[in-house]
Structure formats: structure tokens, C-alpha cells
Amino acid sequence: MAPMNPEPDLPDLLTCTSQGTWRIAGTRVSLDSVVHAFWEGATPEEICQDFPSLSLPQVYEAIAYYLKQRDKVDAYLQAGRDSAEKLQLELNSRHRDFLSKLRQQLLSSRQSPTPS
């Protein structure tokens, strides 16, 4: 018996992880990955080659879901981008001193002559 989908509006094709990521059921492949490959012009067959755990019907179904529910999927993808940007800003702020010292070390090592 398949596990219940915690996100009630998602089709059986997709599961939602505890972190909120939508994955193709039975795989670790995110819907994001399939949609981004589709945006880049990959064919369903090419997507299957890139993600061997996906079947061709799963890829077609994921693309069809995206095309039918474009507003919902685009909102989900935007929320992921917003969350990543917020995390990046938070990490940069929290680790500002460390990152500054690391950049200085990298610049210094690039400018010092290499021993022959």
C-alpha cells in the first residue's frame, strides 16, 4: 500500500517530503528537476536518461501535471527560490566575519607567487 500523500491536492504521482519538497513517488527525483529539464528543452526521453529512476510514463505525467497546474507549480517553485534566497542571506549575515576572512585568505593565496 502506498503511503498517504500529506499534501491533499497533489496527484498520486507526487509525494511531499517533510521539508516540503515535491518528489516523483517512489523516487528521490524532485518535480523541480523534471520541470527545469523541461524548461531547458529536454525531451521526456532525455529526462529519463538523466534520471534513470524515472519511467517514461512518470516523466510524461509530471510534465502534464505541470502544464495543467502551471500556476500552482510556479508558485511552489517560486516559494522554493524565495526560501533559498532567504537562507542564503541569513547564512551570509550569520557568517559574515568568517566569510570575509576566508575571502582574504583565498585572495592572498592567489596573489602569492607559487614556488618553482
C-alpha atoms as a PDB file:
ATOM      1  CA  MET A   1       0.000   0.000   0.000  1.00  0.00           C
ATOM      2  CA  ALA A   2       1.397   3.429  -0.982  1.00  0.00           C
ATOM      3  CA  PRO A   3       1.940   5.966   1.791  1.00  0.00           C
ATOM      4  CA  MET A   4      -0.692   8.662   2.106  1.00  0.00           C
ATOM      5  CA  ASN A   5       0.211  11.927   0.493  1.00  0.00           C
ATOM      6  CA  PRO A   6       0.449  14.665   3.175  1.00  0.00           C
ATOM      7  CA  GLU A   7      -0.326  17.340   0.543  1.00  0.00           C
ATOM      8  CA  PRO A   8      -4.003  16.650  -0.297  1.00  0.00           C
ATOM      9  CA  ASP A   9      -4.018  18.488  -3.642  1.00  0.00           C
ATOM     10  CA  LEU A  10      -1.086  16.573  -5.125  1.00  0.00           C
ATOM     11  CA  PRO A  11      -1.762  13.706  -7.528  1.00  0.00           C
ATOM     12  CA  ASP A  12      -0.639  10.177  -6.664  1.00  0.00           C
ATOM     13  CA  LEU A  13       2.355  10.769  -8.947  1.00  0.00           C
ATOM     14  CA  LEU A  14       3.862  13.134  -6.353  1.00  0.00           C
ATOM     15  CA  THR A  15       4.754  12.911  -2.697  1.00  0.00           C
ATOM     16  CA  CYS A  16       5.623  15.766  -0.384  1.00  0.00           C
ATOM     17  CA  THR A  17       8.648  15.352   1.903  1.00  0.00           C
ATOM     18  CA  SER A  18       8.657  16.632   5.469  1.00  0.00           C
ATOM     19  CA  GLN A  19      10.733  19.567   4.163  1.00  0.00           C
ATOM     20  CA  GLY A  20       8.002  20.403   1.641  1.00  0.00           C
ATOM     21  CA  THR A  21       9.788  19.158  -1.487  1.00  0.00           C
ATOM     22  CA  TRP A  22       7.566  17.572  -4.135  1.00  0.00           C
ATOM     23  CA  ARG A  23       9.119  14.342  -5.409  1.00  0.00           C
ATOM     24  CA  ILE A  24       8.052  11.827  -8.008  1.00  0.00           C
ATOM     25  CA  ALA A  25       6.518   8.984  -5.971  1.00  0.00           C
ATOM     26  CA  GLY A  26       8.871   6.087  -5.380  1.00  0.00           C
ATOM     27  CA  THR A  27      11.952   8.109  -6.356  1.00  0.00           C
ATOM     28  CA  ARG A  28      14.201  10.801  -4.937  1.00  0.00           C
ATOM     29  CA  VAL A  29      13.714  12.940  -8.067  1.00  0.00           C
ATOM     30  CA  SER A  30      12.040  16.272  -7.390  1.00  0.00           C
ATOM     31  CA  LEU A  31       9.338  17.722  -9.591  1.00  0.00           C
ATOM     32  CA  ASP A  32      11.625  20.778  -9.746  1.00  0.00           C
ATOM     33  CA  SER A  33      14.261  18.706 -11.563  1.00  0.00           C
ATOM     34  CA  VAL A  34      11.815  17.476 -14.187  1.00  0.00           C
ATOM     35  CA  VAL A  35      10.310  20.937 -14.726  1.00  0.00           C
ATOM     36  CA  HIS A  36      13.729  22.599 -15.032  1.00  0.00           C
ATOM     37  CA  ALA A  37      14.850  19.985 -17.556  1.00  0.00           C
ATOM     38  CA  PHE A  38      11.608  20.550 -19.479  1.00  0.00           C
ATOM     39  CA  TRP A  39      12.233  24.339 -19.438  1.00  0.00           C
ATOM     40  CA  GLU A  40      15.714  23.712 -20.854  1.00  0.00           C
ATOM     41  CA  GLY A  41      14.185  21.837 -23.785  1.00  0.00           C
ATOM     42  CA  ALA A  42      14.950  18.268 -22.744  1.00  0.00           C
ATOM     43  CA  THR A  43      12.645  15.640 -24.218  1.00  0.00           C
ATOM     44  CA  PRO A  44      10.924  13.158 -21.892  1.00  0.00           C
ATOM     45  CA  GLU A  45      13.335  10.503 -23.174  1.00  0.00           C
ATOM     46  CA  GLU A  46      16.332  12.707 -22.303  1.00  0.00           C
ATOM     47  CA  ILE A  47      14.883  13.369 -18.858  1.00  0.00           C
ATOM     48  CA  CYS A  48      14.616   9.598 -18.334  1.00  0.00           C
ATOM     49  CA  GLN A  49      18.274   9.239 -19.312  1.00  0.00           C
ATOM     50  CA  ASP A  50      19.248  11.947 -16.828  1.00  0.00           C
ATOM     51  CA  PHE A  51      17.108  10.396 -14.086  1.00  0.00           C
ATOM     52  CA  PRO A  52      17.200   6.597 -14.557  1.00  0.00           C
ATOM     53  CA  SER A  53      14.864   6.004 -11.599  1.00  0.00           C
ATOM     54  CA  LEU A  54      12.040   7.653 -13.584  1.00  0.00           C
ATOM     55  CA  SER A  55       9.932   5.787 -16.100  1.00  0.00           C
ATOM     56  CA  LEU A  56       8.837   7.444 -19.317  1.00  0.00           C
ATOM     57  CA  PRO A  57       5.176   7.477 -18.188  1.00  0.00           C
ATOM     58  CA  GLN A  58       6.201   9.212 -14.934  1.00  0.00           C
ATOM     59  CA  VAL A  59       8.021  11.926 -16.874  1.00  0.00           C
ATOM     60  CA  TYR A  60       5.081  12.482 -19.204  1.00  0.00           C
ATOM     61  CA  GLU A  61       2.713  12.572 -16.240  1.00  0.00           C
ATOM     62  CA  ALA A  62       4.936  15.074 -14.383  1.00  0.00           C
ATOM     63  CA  ILE A  63       5.113  17.341 -17.424  1.00  0.00           C
ATOM     64  CA  ALA A  64       1.350  17.046 -17.962  1.00  0.00           C
ATOM     65  CA  TYR A  65       0.753  17.933 -14.308  1.00  0.00           C
ATOM     66  CA  TYR A  66       3.000  20.967 -14.672  1.00  0.00           C
ATOM     67  CA  LEU A  67       1.197  22.126 -17.820  1.00  0.00           C
ATOM     68  CA  LYS A  68      -2.256  21.608 -16.269  1.00  0.00           C
ATOM     69  CA  GLN A  69      -1.351  23.156 -12.910  1.00  0.00           C
ATOM     70  CA  ARG A  70       1.185  25.729 -14.071  1.00  0.00           C
ATOM     71  CA  ASP A  71       0.100  28.446 -11.606  1.00  0.00           C
ATOM     72  CA  LYS A  72       0.292  26.070  -8.644  1.00  0.00           C
ATOM     73  CA  VAL A  73       3.657  24.589  -9.665  1.00  0.00           C
ATOM     74  CA  ASP A  74       5.128  28.005 -10.499  1.00  0.00           C
ATOM     75  CA  ALA A  75       4.056  29.267  -7.052  1.00  0.00           C
ATOM     76  CA  TYR A  76       5.680  26.201  -5.437  1.00  0.00           C
ATOM     77  CA  LEU A  77       8.905  26.779  -7.404  1.00  0.00           C
ATOM     78  CA  GLN A  78       8.923  30.492  -6.513  1.00  0.00           C
ATOM     79  CA  ALA A  79       8.434  29.667  -2.841  1.00  0.00           C
ATOM     80  CA  GLY A  80      11.477  27.384  -3.073  1.00  0.00           C
ATOM     81  CA  ARG A  81      13.557  30.143  -4.675  1.00  0.00           C
ATOM     82  CA  ASP A  82      12.400  32.628  -2.036  1.00  0.00           C
ATOM     83  CA  SER A  83      13.282  30.205   0.746  1.00  0.00           C
ATOM     84  CA  ALA A  84      16.743  29.539  -0.725  1.00  0.00           C
ATOM     85  CA  GLU A  85      17.395  33.265  -1.095  1.00  0.00           C
ATOM     86  CA  LYS A  86      16.314  33.926   2.489  1.00  0.00           C
ATOM     87  CA  LEU A  87      18.577  31.139   3.747  1.00  0.00           C
ATOM     88  CA  GLN A  88      21.491  32.470   1.692  1.00  0.00           C
ATOM     89  CA  LEU A  89      21.040  35.964   3.156  1.00  0.00           C
ATOM     90  CA  GLU A  90      20.763  34.570   6.668  1.00  0.00           C
ATOM     91  CA  LEU A  91      23.905  32.457   6.290  1.00  0.00           C
ATOM     92  CA  ASN A  92      25.848  35.358   4.774  1.00  0.00           C
ATOM     93  CA  SER A  93      24.775  37.581   7.661  1.00  0.00           C
ATOM     94  CA  ARG A  94      25.464  34.998  10.351  1.00  0.00           C
ATOM     95  CA  HIS A  95      28.880  34.049   8.974  1.00  0.00           C
ATOM     96  CA  ARG A  96      29.964  37.434   7.629  1.00  0.00           C
ATOM     97  CA  ASP A  97      33.240  37.576   9.599  1.00  0.00           C
ATOM     98  CA  PHE A  98      34.222  34.022   8.701  1.00  0.00           C
ATOM     99  CA  LEU A  99      33.408  34.549   5.008  1.00  0.00           C
ATOM    100  CA  SER A 100      35.370  37.812   4.952  1.00  0.00           C
ATOM    101  CA  LYS A 101      38.448  36.125   6.450  1.00  0.00           C
ATOM    102  CA  LEU A 102      38.101  33.196   4.041  1.00  0.00           C
ATOM    103  CA  ARG A 103      37.892  35.535   1.031  1.00  0.00           C
ATOM    104  CA  GLN A 104      41.001  37.376   2.238  1.00  0.00           C
ATOM    105  CA  GLN A 105      42.884  34.091   2.623  1.00  0.00           C
ATOM    106  CA  LEU A 106      41.867  32.994  -0.866  1.00  0.00           C
ATOM    107  CA  LEU A 107      42.914  36.327  -2.379  1.00  0.00           C
ATOM    108  CA  SER A 108      46.234  36.206  -0.537  1.00  0.00           C
ATOM    109  CA  SER A 109      46.955  32.674  -1.697  1.00  0.00           C
ATOM    110  CA  ARG A 110      46.172  33.608  -5.313  1.00  0.00           C
ATOM    111  CA  GLN A 111      48.459  36.663  -5.183  1.00  0.00           C
ATOM    112  CA  SER A 112      51.430  34.938  -3.593  1.00  0.00           C
ATOM    113  CA  PRO A 113      53.958  33.562  -6.028  1.00  0.00           C
ATOM    114  CA  THR A 114      53.971  29.816  -6.396  1.00  0.00           C
ATOM    115  CA  PRO A 115      57.255  28.077  -5.618  1.00  0.00           C
ATOM    116  CA  SER A 116      59.006  26.659  -8.677  1.00  0.00           C
END
